[in-house]
Amino acid sequence: MDYLDGYYIYLKNSDYIITQDTLYKADVYYNMVLKFKPSEYGKWLKMLMSDHYACEYVPLTSYDVKGLDSNRTNFLQSVPFGYNEKPKGAMTIVFKNEKITELISYIDISKGGFIYVENDEGNVITSLPGNINPSNKINAKELTKEEGFFSKNIDGKKMIVTYITSKERGWKYVIALPSKLVFANLNDFTLISFKIFLITLLAGVIIASILAYSNSKPVFDIVKQLKQFTGEESTPSGNAFSLINGSVSNLISTNNELQNDINNQKSLIHSSFLDKIIRGQITSLFTSELLNFSLTSIRYFNNLTATSFASDVLLLTQNPDGKHGIVPCNKSSYISISSK
């Protein structure tokens, strides 16, 4: 594994340490491999056996002579794993700090600020920059929620502190950045959002205008034709729907008036037509359509039934001088037209 730097297991009864490669006496491994302070050997053994660890972070920098352990993160697991038994040894798992730091290195703190991760006991596990000033560490009383942010003066600078707490292990991930840098990024984001909003709004207005024009063009064409029909100006203006409504209402009203006038003139037209027939003023040959109309007019005038020959029927004839006339016909005869 890229993150794993190694591990070793301390066995209390034999006072040996097992690694992935070989077996060491505890004091040899302590002095030759770990290179911790010789005076702290007894304290180190007591620390391994003093408590029952369950994969817990334990800082070992106090035992380090040359600061080699500052680049490593150590987790202790007591063996055996059961809580009901006394620890008979301890397994130490060592992780590379630089690999853990890479997880948070994408955040730019070159213009100021710091990042650090601390465990539930307040010990700093890793940080950016590597040697964080202890005075810059945020007080645990200010990090009581699961997540949040607040403003704080650190080293005479106004900083925005953001943090989040892990639900599983209680670790806190803290980042502090200068307020000017945070608000500068916020202003850039606001400006970009505003530009996107304006572009979207403009595009929406253009698309809506095109759709409105394409949908309203037939209506304007109808208005234009109505104005040409009524003799008004051809350019549509005002409320088009009101104009269409008024024009259609006028057309309906005019049509009804014409229908009434035609119905009122129907009897006069019938009478005038029959009068011309009787006077012989119609000199052209009758077509079948004209004959049907004449029969209808005669039936209206004499209250006759054209489909029955039981009553008196008039015969349409043509005189030698070319004029037409009407004479009575027998009840059993057919209606016919004689011509010269």
C-alpha atoms as a PDB file:
ATOM      1  CA  MET A   1       0.000   0.000   0.000  1.00  0.00           C
ATOM      2  CA  ASP A   2       1.247   3.485  -0.849  1.00  0.00           C
ATOM      3  CA  TYR A   3       0.112   4.931   2.475  1.00  0.00           C
ATOM      4  CA  LEU A   4       1.574   2.189   4.652  1.00  0.00           C
ATOM      5  CA  ASP A   5       5.162   2.743   5.821  1.00  0.00           C
ATOM      6  CA  GLY A   6       5.329  -0.479   7.827  1.00  0.00           C
ATOM      7  CA  TYR A   7       4.230  -2.195  11.020  1.00  0.00           C
ATOM      8  CA  TYR A   8       5.696  -4.048  13.983  1.00  0.00           C
ATOM      9  CA  ILE A   9       4.234  -6.176  16.756  1.00  0.00           C
ATOM     10  CA  TYR A  10       5.543  -6.131  20.340  1.00  0.00           C
ATOM     11  CA  LEU A  11       5.110  -9.368  22.335  1.00  0.00           C
ATOM     12  CA  LYS A  12       5.141  -8.744  26.087  1.00  0.00           C
ATOM     13  CA  ASN A  13       5.987 -12.274  27.311  1.00  0.00           C
ATOM     14  CA  SER A  14       9.004 -12.767  25.037  1.00  0.00           C
ATOM     15  CA  ASP A  15      10.028  -9.096  24.809  1.00  0.00           C
ATOM     16  CA  TYR A  16      10.430  -9.424  21.073  1.00  0.00           C
ATOM     17  CA  ILE A  17       9.270  -7.336  18.160  1.00  0.00           C
ATOM     18  CA  ILE A  18       8.069  -8.940  14.927  1.00  0.00           C
ATOM     19  CA  THR A  19       8.280  -6.996  11.635  1.00  0.00           C
ATOM     20  CA  GLN A  20       7.400  -7.950   8.073  1.00  0.00           C
ATOM     21  CA  ASP A  21      11.039  -8.922   7.523  1.00  0.00           C
ATOM     22  CA  THR A  22      12.529 -10.359  10.701  1.00  0.00           C
ATOM     23  CA  LEU A  23      12.481 -10.676  14.488  1.00  0.00           C
ATOM     24  CA  TYR A  24      14.166  -8.218  16.882  1.00  0.00           C
ATOM     25  CA  LYS A  25      14.742  -7.892  20.574  1.00  0.00           C
ATOM     26  CA  ALA A  26      12.629  -4.987  21.795  1.00  0.00           C
ATOM     27  CA  ASP A  27      15.572  -2.874  22.954  1.00  0.00           C
ATOM     28  CA  VAL A  28      17.519  -3.490  19.740  1.00  0.00           C
ATOM     29  CA  TYR A  29      14.591  -2.487  17.569  1.00  0.00           C
ATOM     30  CA  TYR A  30      13.964   0.564  19.731  1.00  0.00           C
ATOM     31  CA  ASN A  31      17.576   1.815  19.545  1.00  0.00           C
ATOM     32  CA  MET A  32      18.718   0.622  16.117  1.00  0.00           C
ATOM     33  CA  VAL A  33      15.583   0.860  13.931  1.00  0.00           C
ATOM     34  CA  LEU A  34      13.280   3.376  15.565  1.00  0.00           C
ATOM     35  CA  LYS A  35      16.254   5.354  16.921  1.00  0.00           C
ATOM     36  CA  PHE A  36      14.221   6.749  19.783  1.00  0.00           C
ATOM     37  CA  LYS A  37      15.672   8.317  22.942  1.00  0.00           C
ATOM     38  CA  PRO A  38      17.393   5.594  24.982  1.00  0.00           C
ATOM     39  CA  SER A  39      16.234   7.176  28.215  1.00  0.00           C
ATOM     40  CA  GLU A  40      12.598   6.811  27.160  1.00  0.00           C
ATOM     41  CA  TYR A  41      12.703   3.030  26.489  1.00  0.00           C
ATOM     42  CA  GLY A  42      10.958   2.029  29.720  1.00  0.00           C
ATOM     43  CA  LYS A  43       8.327   4.702  29.259  1.00  0.00           C
ATOM     44  CA  TRP A  44       7.730   3.501  25.706  1.00  0.00           C
ATOM     45  CA  LEU A  45       7.146  -0.118  26.843  1.00  0.00           C
ATOM     46  CA  LYS A  46       4.818   1.036  29.586  1.00  0.00           C
ATOM     47  CA  MET A  47       2.861   3.109  27.070  1.00  0.00           C
ATOM     48  CA  LEU A  48       2.387   0.054  24.822  1.00  0.00           C
ATOM     49  CA  MET A  49       1.008  -2.044  27.693  1.00  0.00           C
ATOM     50  CA  SER A  50      -0.778   0.613  29.761  1.00  0.00           C
ATOM     51  CA  ASP A  51      -4.021   0.631  27.869  1.00  0.00           C
ATOM     52  CA  HIS A  52      -6.153  -1.435  25.533  1.00  0.00           C
ATOM     53  CA  TYR A  53      -5.862   0.269  22.148  1.00  0.00           C
ATOM     54  CA  ALA A  54      -8.366  -0.188  19.339  1.00  0.00           C
ATOM     55  CA  CYS A  55      -6.578   1.196  16.297  1.00  0.00           C
ATOM     56  CA  GLU A  56      -5.993   4.537  17.981  1.00  0.00           C
ATOM     57  CA  TYR A  57      -3.658   7.321  16.927  1.00  0.00           C
ATOM     58  CA  VAL A  58      -0.705   7.703  19.304  1.00  0.00           C
ATOM     59  CA  PRO A  59       1.923  10.423  18.835  1.00  0.00           C
ATOM     60  CA  LEU A  60       5.456   9.124  19.357  1.00  0.00           C
ATOM     61  CA  THR A  61       7.359  12.340  18.748  1.00  0.00           C
ATOM     62  CA  SER A  62       8.273  12.622  22.428  1.00  0.00           C
ATOM     63  CA  TYR A  63      10.434   9.481  22.080  1.00  0.00           C
ATOM     64  CA  ASP A  64      12.082  10.656  18.866  1.00  0.00           C
ATOM     65  CA  VAL A  65      15.640  12.005  18.908  1.00  0.00           C
ATOM     66  CA  LYS A  66      16.140  13.273  15.361  1.00  0.00           C
ATOM     67  CA  GLY A  67      12.566  14.058  14.501  1.00  0.00           C
ATOM     68  CA  LEU A  68      12.237  11.072  12.167  1.00  0.00           C
ATOM     69  CA  ASP A  69       8.872  10.161  13.588  1.00  0.00           C
ATOM     70  CA  SER A  70       7.416  13.567  12.720  1.00  0.00           C
ATOM     71  CA  ASN A  71       6.961  12.307   9.153  1.00  0.00           C
ATOM     72  CA  ARG A  72       4.962   9.283  10.291  1.00  0.00           C
ATOM     73  CA  THR A  73       1.522   8.669  11.764  1.00  0.00           C
ATOM     74  CA  ASN A  74       1.248   5.780  14.222  1.00  0.00           C
ATOM     75  CA  PHE A  75      -1.828   3.740  15.121  1.00  0.00           C
ATOM     76  CA  LEU A  76      -1.808   1.195  17.963  1.00  0.00           C
ATOM     77  CA  GLN A  77      -3.887  -1.989  18.197  1.00  0.00           C
ATOM     78  CA  SER A  78      -3.652  -4.148  21.327  1.00  0.00           C
ATOM     79  CA  VAL A  79      -3.411  -7.922  20.954  1.00  0.00           C
ATOM     80  CA  PRO A  80      -5.394  -9.996  21.410  1.00  0.00           C
ATOM     81  CA  PHE A  81      -8.263  -7.959  20.022  1.00  0.00           C
ATOM     82  CA  GLY A  82     -10.819  -8.848  22.701  1.00  0.00           C
ATOM     83  CA  TYR A  83     -11.503  -6.263  25.421  1.00  0.00           C
ATOM     84  CA  ASN A  84     -12.043  -8.928  28.095  1.00  0.00           C
ATOM     85  CA  GLU A  85      -8.428 -10.067  28.018  1.00  0.00           C
ATOM     86  CA  LYS A  86      -5.388  -8.188  29.246  1.00  0.00           C
ATOM     87  CA  PRO A  87      -3.103  -6.916  26.495  1.00  0.00           C
ATOM     88  CA  LYS A  88      -0.250  -9.327  25.754  1.00  0.00           C
ATOM     89  CA  GLY A  89       1.283  -7.119  23.142  1.00  0.00           C
ATOM     90  CA  ALA A  90       0.654  -4.261  20.761  1.00  0.00           C
ATOM     91  CA  MET A  91       0.769  -3.820  17.014  1.00  0.00           C
ATOM     92  CA  THR A  92       1.949  -0.467  15.687  1.00  0.00           C
ATOM     93  CA  ILE A  93       0.897   0.512  12.147  1.00  0.00           C
ATOM     94  CA  VAL A  94       2.892   3.350  10.631  1.00  0.00           C
ATOM     95  CA  PHE A  95       1.551   5.539   7.808  1.00  0.00           C
ATOM     96  CA  LYS A  96       3.490   8.007   5.683  1.00  0.00           C
ATOM     97  CA  ASN A  97       2.543  11.562   6.525  1.00  0.00           C
ATOM     98  CA  GLU A  98       3.370  12.861   3.044  1.00  0.00           C
ATOM     99  CA  LYS A  99       0.781  10.526   1.523  1.00  0.00           C
ATOM    100  CA  ILE A 100      -1.868  11.747   3.941  1.00  0.00           C
ATOM    101  CA  THR A 101      -0.844  15.342   3.268  1.00  0.00           C
ATOM    102  CA  GLU A 102      -1.338  14.793  -0.459  1.00  0.00           C
ATOM    103  CA  LEU A 103      -5.065  14.382   0.211  1.00  0.00           C
ATOM    104  CA  ILE A 104      -5.304  18.027   1.299  1.00  0.00           C
ATOM    105  CA  SER A 105      -2.458  19.506  -0.743  1.00  0.00           C
ATOM    106  CA  TYR A 106      -4.802  20.580  -3.575  1.00  0.00           C
ATOM    107  CA  ILE A 107      -5.950  23.494  -1.379  1.00  0.00           C
ATOM    108  CA  ASP A 108      -3.833  26.568  -2.124  1.00  0.00           C
ATOM    109  CA  ILE A 109      -2.430  28.149   1.040  1.00  0.00           C
ATOM    110  CA  SER A 110       0.480  29.886  -0.653  1.00  0.00           C
ATOM    111  CA  LYS A 111      -1.131  33.272   0.039  1.00  0.00           C
ATOM    112  CA  GLY A 112      -1.624  32.528   3.706  1.00  0.00           C
ATOM    113  CA  GLY A 113      -3.526  30.180   5.945  1.00  0.00           C
ATOM    114  CA  PHE A 114      -3.065  26.639   7.228  1.00  0.00           C
ATOM    115  CA  ILE A 115      -4.753  23.239   7.336  1.00  0.00           C
ATOM    116  CA  TYR A 116      -4.528  20.549   9.968  1.00  0.00           C
ATOM    117  CA  VAL A 117      -6.189  17.328  11.103  1.00  0.00           C
ATOM    118  CA  GLU A 118      -6.482  16.534  14.818  1.00  0.00           C
ATOM    119  CA  ASN A 119      -7.809  13.482  16.625  1.00  0.00           C
ATOM    120  CA  ASP A 120     -10.473  13.408  19.331  1.00  0.00           C
ATOM    121  CA  GLU A 121      -7.847  14.147  21.996  1.00  0.00           C
ATOM    122  CA  GLY A 122      -6.654  17.309  20.230  1.00  0.00           C
ATOM    123  CA  ASN A 123      -3.370  15.882  18.899  1.00  0.00           C
ATOM    124  CA  VAL A 124      -2.399  17.149  15.430  1.00  0.00           C
ATOM    125  CA  ILE A 125      -2.052  14.199  13.065  1.00  0.00           C
ATOM    126  CA  THR A 126      -0.970  16.067   9.947  1.00  0.00           C
ATOM    127  CA  SER A 127      -0.886  19.670   8.793  1.00  0.00           C
ATOM    128  CA  LEU A 128      -0.049  22.102   6.012  1.00  0.00           C
ATOM    129  CA  PRO A 129       2.478  23.636   6.382  1.00  0.00           C
ATOM    130  CA  GLY A 130       4.248  20.769   8.085  1.00  0.00           C
ATOM    131  CA  ASN A 131       5.273  22.606  11.264  1.00  0.00           C
ATOM    132  CA  ILE A 132       2.146  24.447  12.270  1.00  0.00           C
ATOM    133  CA  ASN A 133       2.531  27.096  14.952  1.00  0.00           C
ATOM    134  CA  PRO A 134       0.862  25.747  18.131  1.00  0.00           C
ATOM    135  CA  SER A 135      -0.513  29.233  18.844  1.00  0.00           C
ATOM    136  CA  ASN A 136      -2.443  29.095  15.576  1.00  0.00           C
ATOM    137  CA  LYS A 137      -4.269  25.959  16.611  1.00  0.00           C
ATOM    138  CA  ILE A 138      -7.956  26.634  17.101  1.00  0.00           C
ATOM    139  CA  ASN A 139      -9.326  26.110  20.594  1.00  0.00           C
ATOM    140  CA  ALA A 140     -11.472  22.964  20.869  1.00  0.00           C
ATOM    141  CA  LYS A 141     -14.235  25.013  22.519  1.00  0.00           C
ATOM    142  CA  GLU A 142     -14.729  26.806  19.199  1.00  0.00           C
ATOM    143  CA  LEU A 143     -15.140  23.526  17.294  1.00  0.00           C
ATOM    144  CA  THR A 144     -18.100  22.060  19.161  1.00  0.00           C
ATOM    145  CA  LYS A 145     -20.425  21.457  16.188  1.00  0.00           C
ATOM    146  CA  GLU A 146     -20.170  18.773  13.521  1.00  0.00           C
ATOM    147  CA  GLU A 147     -19.297  21.436  10.966  1.00  0.00           C
ATOM    148  CA  GLY A 148     -19.246  25.193  10.659  1.00  0.00           C
ATOM    149  CA  PHE A 149     -17.238  28.325   9.967  1.00  0.00           C
ATOM    150  CA  PHE A 150     -16.452  31.574  11.719  1.00  0.00           C
ATOM    151  CA  SER A 151     -14.167  34.597  11.565  1.00  0.00           C
ATOM    152  CA  LYS A 152     -11.141  34.850  13.845  1.00  0.00           C
ATOM    153  CA  ASN A 153      -8.079  37.075  14.199  1.00  0.00           C
ATOM    154  CA  ILE A 154      -4.905  34.983  13.985  1.00  0.00           C
ATOM    155  CA  ASP A 155      -1.477  36.650  14.156  1.00  0.00           C
ATOM    156  CA  GLY A 156      -3.113  40.017  13.545  1.00  0.00           C
ATOM    157  CA  LYS A 157      -4.899  38.818  10.389  1.00  0.00           C
ATOM    158  CA  LYS A 158      -8.604  38.284   9.911  1.00  0.00           C
ATOM    159  CA  MET A 159      -9.097  34.643   8.958  1.00  0.00           C
ATOM    160  CA  ILE A 160     -12.107  32.553   7.959  1.00  0.00           C
ATOM    161  CA  VAL A 161     -11.983  29.230   9.786  1.00  0.00           C
ATOM    162  CA  THR A 162     -13.927  26.280   8.363  1.00  0.00           C
ATOM    163  CA  TYR A 163     -14.086  22.863  10.015  1.00  0.00           C
ATOM    164  CA  ILE A 164     -15.869  19.515   9.874  1.00  0.00           C
ATOM    165  CA  THR A 165     -15.890  16.654  12.413  1.00  0.00           C
ATOM    166  CA  SER A 166     -15.740  12.972  11.472  1.00  0.00           C
ATOM    167  CA  LYS A 167     -18.692  11.036  12.889  1.00  0.00           C
ATOM    168  CA  GLU A 168     -16.746   7.737  13.034  1.00  0.00           C
ATOM    169  CA  ARG A 169     -13.575   8.744  14.896  1.00  0.00           C
ATOM    170  CA  GLY A 170     -14.251  12.276  16.075  1.00  0.00           C
ATOM    171  CA  TRP A 171     -11.363  13.738  14.098  1.00  0.00           C
ATOM    172  CA  LYS A 172     -11.561  17.394  13.113  1.00  0.00           C
ATOM    173  CA  TYR A 173     -10.452  18.773   9.753  1.00  0.00           C
ATOM    174  CA  VAL A 174      -9.691  22.486  10.065  1.00  0.00           C
ATOM    175  CA  ILE A 175      -8.776  25.032   7.408  1.00  0.00           C
ATOM    176  CA  ALA A 176      -8.065  28.728   7.968  1.00  0.00           C
ATOM    177  CA  LEU A 177      -7.728  31.164   5.046  1.00  0.00           C
ATOM    178  CA  PRO A 178      -7.368  34.961   4.908  1.00  0.00           C
ATOM    179  CA  SER A 179     -10.758  36.627   4.612  1.00  0.00           C
ATOM    180  CA  LYS A 180      -9.571  38.725   1.650  1.00  0.00           C
ATOM    181  CA  LEU A 181      -8.725  35.571  -0.276  1.00  0.00           C
ATOM    182  CA  VAL A 182     -12.031  33.913   0.577  1.00  0.00           C
ATOM    183  CA  PHE A 183     -14.126  36.942  -0.369  1.00  0.00           C
ATOM    184  CA  ALA A 184     -12.075  37.488  -3.546  1.00  0.00           C
ATOM    185  CA  ASN A 185     -12.973  33.990  -4.691  1.00  0.00           C
ATOM    186  CA  LEU A 186     -16.567  34.611  -3.642  1.00  0.00           C
ATOM    187  CA  ASN A 187     -16.704  37.847  -5.654  1.00  0.00           C
ATOM    188  CA  ASP A 188     -15.309  36.048  -8.707  1.00  0.00           C
ATOM    189  CA  PHE A 189     -17.936  33.349  -8.324  1.00  0.00           C
ATOM    190  CA  THR A 190     -20.681  35.971  -7.930  1.00  0.00           C
ATOM    191  CA  LEU A 191     -19.504  37.821 -11.051  1.00  0.00           C
ATOM    192  CA  ILE A 192     -19.411  34.614 -13.095  1.00  0.00           C
ATOM    193  CA  SER A 193     -22.887  33.645 -11.853  1.00  0.00           C
ATOM    194  CA  PHE A 194     -24.230  37.096 -12.746  1.00  0.00           C
ATOM    195  CA  LYS A 195     -22.753  36.889 -16.263  1.00  0.00           C
ATOM    196  CA  ILE A 196     -24.258  33.447 -16.775  1.00  0.00           C
ATOM    197  CA  PHE A 197     -27.619  34.794 -15.571  1.00  0.00           C
ATOM    198  CA  LEU A 198     -27.487  37.729 -18.013  1.00  0.00           C
ATOM    199  CA  ILE A 199     -26.518  35.496 -20.939  1.00  0.00           C
ATOM    200  CA  THR A 200     -29.300  33.048 -20.087  1.00  0.00           C
ATOM    201  CA  LEU A 201     -31.820  35.882 -19.712  1.00  0.00           C
ATOM    202  CA  LEU A 202     -30.800  37.438 -23.049  1.00  0.00           C
ATOM    203  CA  ALA A 203     -30.994  34.091 -24.819  1.00  0.00           C
ATOM    204  CA  GLY A 204     -34.414  33.477 -23.279  1.00  0.00           C
ATOM    205  CA  VAL A 205     -35.697  36.896 -24.419  1.00  0.00           C
ATOM    206  CA  ILE A 206     -34.433  36.309 -27.983  1.00  0.00           C
ATOM    207  CA  ILE A 207     -35.950  32.824 -28.186  1.00  0.00           C
ATOM    208  CA  ALA A 208     -39.236  34.059 -26.685  1.00  0.00           C
ATOM    209  CA  SER A 209     -39.358  36.939 -29.197  1.00  0.00           C
ATOM    210  CA  ILE A 210     -38.795  34.584 -32.144  1.00  0.00           C
ATOM    211  CA  LEU A 211     -41.480  32.180 -30.936  1.00  0.00           C
ATOM    212  CA  ALA A 212     -43.902  35.039 -30.190  1.00  0.00           C
ATOM    213  CA  TYR A 213     -43.380  36.518 -33.675  1.00  0.00           C
ATOM    214  CA  SER A 214     -43.844  33.174 -35.433  1.00  0.00           C
ATOM    215  CA  ASN A 215     -47.017  32.468 -33.440  1.00  0.00           C
ATOM    216  CA  SER A 216     -48.473  35.975 -33.802  1.00  0.00           C
ATOM    217  CA  LYS A 217     -47.732  36.419 -37.537  1.00  0.00           C
ATOM    218  CA  PRO A 218     -50.931  34.585 -38.648  1.00  0.00           C
ATOM    219  CA  VAL A 219     -52.937  36.809 -36.298  1.00  0.00           C
ATOM    220  CA  PHE A 220     -51.369  39.969 -37.732  1.00  0.00           C
ATOM    221  CA  ASP A 221     -52.072  38.707 -41.262  1.00  0.00           C
ATOM    222  CA  ILE A 222     -55.740  38.261 -40.362  1.00  0.00           C
ATOM    223  CA  VAL A 223     -55.845  41.756 -38.865  1.00  0.00           C
ATOM    224  CA  LYS A 224     -54.226  43.165 -41.999  1.00  0.00           C
ATOM    225  CA  GLN A 225     -56.808  41.492 -44.248  1.00  0.00           C
ATOM    226  CA  LEU A 226     -59.657  42.702 -42.048  1.00  0.00           C
ATOM    227  CA  LYS A 227     -58.363  46.286 -42.216  1.00  0.00           C
ATOM    228  CA  GLN A 228     -57.996  46.059 -45.998  1.00  0.00           C
ATOM    229  CA  PHE A 229     -61.545  44.734 -46.199  1.00  0.00           C
ATOM    230  CA  THR A 230     -62.919  47.530 -44.038  1.00  0.00           C
ATOM    231  CA  GLY A 231     -60.804  50.189 -45.763  1.00  0.00           C
ATOM    232  CA  GLU A 232     -58.641  51.055 -42.758  1.00  0.00           C
ATOM    233  CA  GLU A 233     -54.848  51.293 -42.637  1.00  0.00           C
ATOM    234  CA  SER A 234     -53.144  47.956 -43.297  1.00  0.00           C
ATOM    235  CA  THR A 235     -50.567  48.248 -40.491  1.00  0.00           C
ATOM    236  CA  PRO A 236     -51.766  46.322 -37.413  1.00  0.00           C
ATOM    237  CA  SER A 237     -51.828  48.427 -34.273  1.00  0.00           C
ATOM    238  CA  GLY A 238     -53.388  48.322 -30.850  1.00  0.00           C
ATOM    239  CA  ASN A 239     -54.985  45.174 -29.509  1.00  0.00           C
ATOM    240  CA  ALA A 240     -55.180  42.720 -32.411  1.00  0.00           C
ATOM    241  CA  PHE A 241     -57.604  40.385 -30.666  1.00  0.00           C
ATOM    242  CA  SER A 242     -60.007  43.222 -29.892  1.00  0.00           C
ATOM    243  CA  LEU A 243     -59.918  44.278 -33.547  1.00  0.00           C
ATOM    244  CA  ILE A 244     -60.573  40.718 -34.715  1.00  0.00           C
ATOM    245  CA  ASN A 245     -63.413  40.361 -32.225  1.00  0.00           C
ATOM    246  CA  GLY A 246     -65.006  43.604 -33.359  1.00  0.00           C
ATOM    247  CA  SER A 247     -64.613  42.793 -37.068  1.00  0.00           C
ATOM    248  CA  VAL A 248     -66.077  39.307 -36.685  1.00  0.00           C
ATOM    249  CA  SER A 249     -68.984  40.732 -34.681  1.00  0.00           C
ATOM    250  CA  ASN A 250     -69.645  43.317 -37.433  1.00  0.00           C
ATOM    251  CA  LEU A 251     -69.497  40.623 -40.132  1.00  0.00           C
ATOM    252  CA  ILE A 252     -71.939  38.430 -38.222  1.00  0.00           C
ATOM    253  CA  SER A 253     -74.271  41.390 -37.686  1.00  0.00           C
ATOM    254  CA  THR A 254     -74.091  42.407 -41.368  1.00  0.00           C
ATOM    255  CA  ASN A 255     -74.697  38.825 -42.496  1.00  0.00           C
ATOM    256  CA  ASN A 256     -77.764  38.553 -40.278  1.00  0.00           C
ATOM    257  CA  GLU A 257     -79.114  41.825 -41.693  1.00  0.00           C
ATOM    258  CA  LEU A 258     -78.598  40.597 -45.265  1.00  0.00           C
ATOM    259  CA  GLN A 259     -80.336  37.310 -44.456  1.00  0.00           C
ATOM    260  CA  ASN A 260     -83.288  39.204 -43.039  1.00  0.00           C
ATOM    261  CA  ASP A 261     -83.433  41.489 -46.105  1.00  0.00           C
ATOM    262  CA  ILE A 262     -83.380  38.498 -48.464  1.00  0.00           C
ATOM    263  CA  ASN A 263     -86.109  36.752 -46.508  1.00  0.00           C
ATOM    264  CA  ASN A 264     -88.200  39.926 -46.586  1.00  0.00           C
ATOM    265  CA  GLN A 265     -87.752  40.272 -50.385  1.00  0.00           C
ATOM    266  CA  LYS A 266     -88.495  36.617 -51.200  1.00  0.00           C
ATOM    267  CA  SER A 267     -92.267  37.058 -51.691  1.00  0.00           C
ATOM    268  CA  LEU A 268     -91.721  40.137 -53.876  1.00  0.00           C
ATOM    269  CA  ILE A 269     -89.201  38.249 -56.006  1.00  0.00           C
ATOM    270  CA  HIS A 270     -91.651  35.372 -56.489  1.00  0.00           C
ATOM    271  CA  SER A 271     -94.467  37.744 -57.390  1.00  0.00           C
ATOM    272  CA  SER A 272     -92.314  39.707 -59.816  1.00  0.00           C
ATOM    273  CA  PHE A 273     -91.113  36.532 -61.515  1.00  0.00           C
ATOM    274  CA  LEU A 274     -94.626  35.153 -61.954  1.00  0.00           C
ATOM    275  CA  ASP A 275     -95.832  38.510 -63.248  1.00  0.00           C
ATOM    276  CA  LYS A 276     -93.165  38.457 -65.938  1.00  0.00           C
ATOM    277  CA  ILE A 277     -94.138  34.917 -66.908  1.00  0.00           C
ATOM    278  CA  ILE A 278     -97.816  35.854 -67.177  1.00  0.00           C
ATOM    279  CA  ARG A 279     -97.038  38.949 -69.244  1.00  0.00           C
ATOM    280  CA  GLY A 280     -94.799  36.899 -71.555  1.00  0.00           C
ATOM    281  CA  GLN A 281     -91.743  39.024 -70.836  1.00  0.00           C
ATOM    282  CA  ILE A 282     -89.445  35.987 -70.587  1.00  0.00           C
ATOM    283  CA  THR A 283     -88.414  35.038 -74.142  1.00  0.00           C
ATOM    284  CA  SER A 284     -85.492  32.634 -73.570  1.00  0.00           C
ATOM    285  CA  LEU A 285     -85.909  28.853 -73.480  1.00  0.00           C
ATOM    286  CA  PHE A 286     -86.440  27.392 -70.033  1.00  0.00           C
ATOM    287  CA  THR A 287     -83.800  25.124 -68.748  1.00  0.00           C
ATOM    288  CA  SER A 288     -84.562  22.368 -66.282  1.00  0.00           C
ATOM    289  CA  GLU A 289     -83.352  24.516 -63.398  1.00  0.00           C
ATOM    290  CA  LEU A 290     -85.583  27.416 -64.426  1.00  0.00           C
ATOM    291  CA  LEU A 291     -88.557  25.107 -64.764  1.00  0.00           C
ATOM    292  CA  ASN A 292     -88.065  23.780 -61.272  1.00  0.00           C
ATOM    293  CA  PHE A 293     -87.878  27.321 -59.912  1.00  0.00           C
ATOM    294  CA  SER A 294     -91.008  28.267 -61.857  1.00  0.00           C
ATOM    295  CA  LEU A 295     -92.908  25.324 -60.507  1.00  0.00           C
ATOM    296  CA  THR A 296     -91.886  26.280 -57.001  1.00  0.00           C
ATOM    297  CA  SER A 297     -93.048  29.848 -57.624  1.00  0.00           C
ATOM    298  CA  ILE A 298     -96.383  28.656 -59.094  1.00  0.00           C
ATOM    299  CA  ARG A 299     -96.920  26.319 -56.160  1.00  0.00           C
ATOM    300  CA  TYR A 300     -96.310  29.208 -53.769  1.00  0.00           C
ATOM    301  CA  PHE A 301     -98.624  31.475 -55.748  1.00  0.00           C
ATOM    302  CA  ASN A 302    -101.556  29.051 -56.238  1.00  0.00           C
ATOM    303  CA  ASN A 303    -100.920  26.891 -53.145  1.00  0.00           C
ATOM    304  CA  LEU A 304    -100.589  23.826 -55.368  1.00  0.00           C
ATOM    305  CA  THR A 305     -98.704  20.554 -54.931  1.00  0.00           C
ATOM    306  CA  ALA A 306     -96.181  20.157 -57.742  1.00  0.00           C
ATOM    307  CA  THR A 307     -95.729  16.427 -57.281  1.00  0.00           C
ATOM    308  CA  SER A 308     -99.443  15.671 -57.668  1.00  0.00           C
ATOM    309  CA  PHE A 309    -101.625  16.235 -60.759  1.00  0.00           C
ATOM    310  CA  ALA A 310    -104.959  15.790 -58.954  1.00  0.00           C
ATOM    311  CA  SER A 311    -105.591  19.553 -58.770  1.00  0.00           C
ATOM    312  CA  ASP A 312    -105.626  22.297 -61.385  1.00  0.00           C
ATOM    313  CA  VAL A 313    -102.265  22.815 -63.087  1.00  0.00           C
ATOM    314  CA  LEU A 314    -101.148  25.645 -65.329  1.00  0.00           C
ATOM    315  CA  LEU A 315     -99.534  24.965 -68.713  1.00  0.00           C
ATOM    316  CA  LEU A 316     -96.682  27.148 -69.883  1.00  0.00           C
ATOM    317  CA  THR A 317     -96.902  27.776 -73.654  1.00  0.00           C
ATOM    318  CA  GLN A 318     -95.219  29.887 -76.252  1.00  0.00           C
ATOM    319  CA  ASN A 319     -97.336  32.023 -78.608  1.00  0.00           C
ATOM    320  CA  PRO A 320     -96.664  32.282 -82.363  1.00  0.00           C
ATOM    321  CA  ASP A 321     -95.178  35.713 -81.825  1.00  0.00           C
ATOM    322  CA  GLY A 322     -92.549  34.161 -79.564  1.00  0.00           C
ATOM    323  CA  LYS A 323     -94.071  35.196 -76.235  1.00  0.00           C
ATOM    324  CA  HIS A 324     -94.912  32.780 -73.410  1.00  0.00           C
ATOM    325  CA  GLY A 325     -98.213  32.323 -71.683  1.00  0.00           C
ATOM    326  CA  ILE A 326     -99.993  30.235 -69.041  1.00  0.00           C
ATOM    327  CA  VAL A 327    -103.195  28.304 -69.706  1.00  0.00           C
ATOM    328  CA  PRO A 328    -105.175  25.793 -67.579  1.00  0.00           C
ATOM    329  CA  CYS A 329    -104.326  22.141 -68.083  1.00  0.00           C
ATOM    330  CA  ASN A 330    -106.416  19.034 -67.501  1.00  0.00           C
ATOM    331  CA  LYS A 331    -106.011  17.263 -64.240  1.00  0.00           C
ATOM    332  CA  SER A 332    -104.667  14.136 -65.886  1.00  0.00           C
ATOM    333  CA  SER A 333    -102.291  15.877 -68.285  1.00  0.00           C
ATOM    334  CA  TYR A 334     -98.587  16.505 -67.804  1.00  0.00           C
ATOM    335  CA  ILE A 335     -96.886  19.844 -67.500  1.00  0.00           C
ATOM    336  CA  SER A 336     -95.074  20.597 -70.733  1.00  0.00           C
ATOM    337  CA  ILE A 337     -93.611  23.440 -72.685  1.00  0.00           C
ATOM    338  CA  SER A 338     -94.409  23.912 -76.372  1.00  0.00           C
ATOM    339  CA  SER A 339     -92.296  26.070 -78.606  1.00  0.00           C
ATOM    340  CA  LYS A 340     -92.484  27.216 -82.174  1.00  0.00           C
END
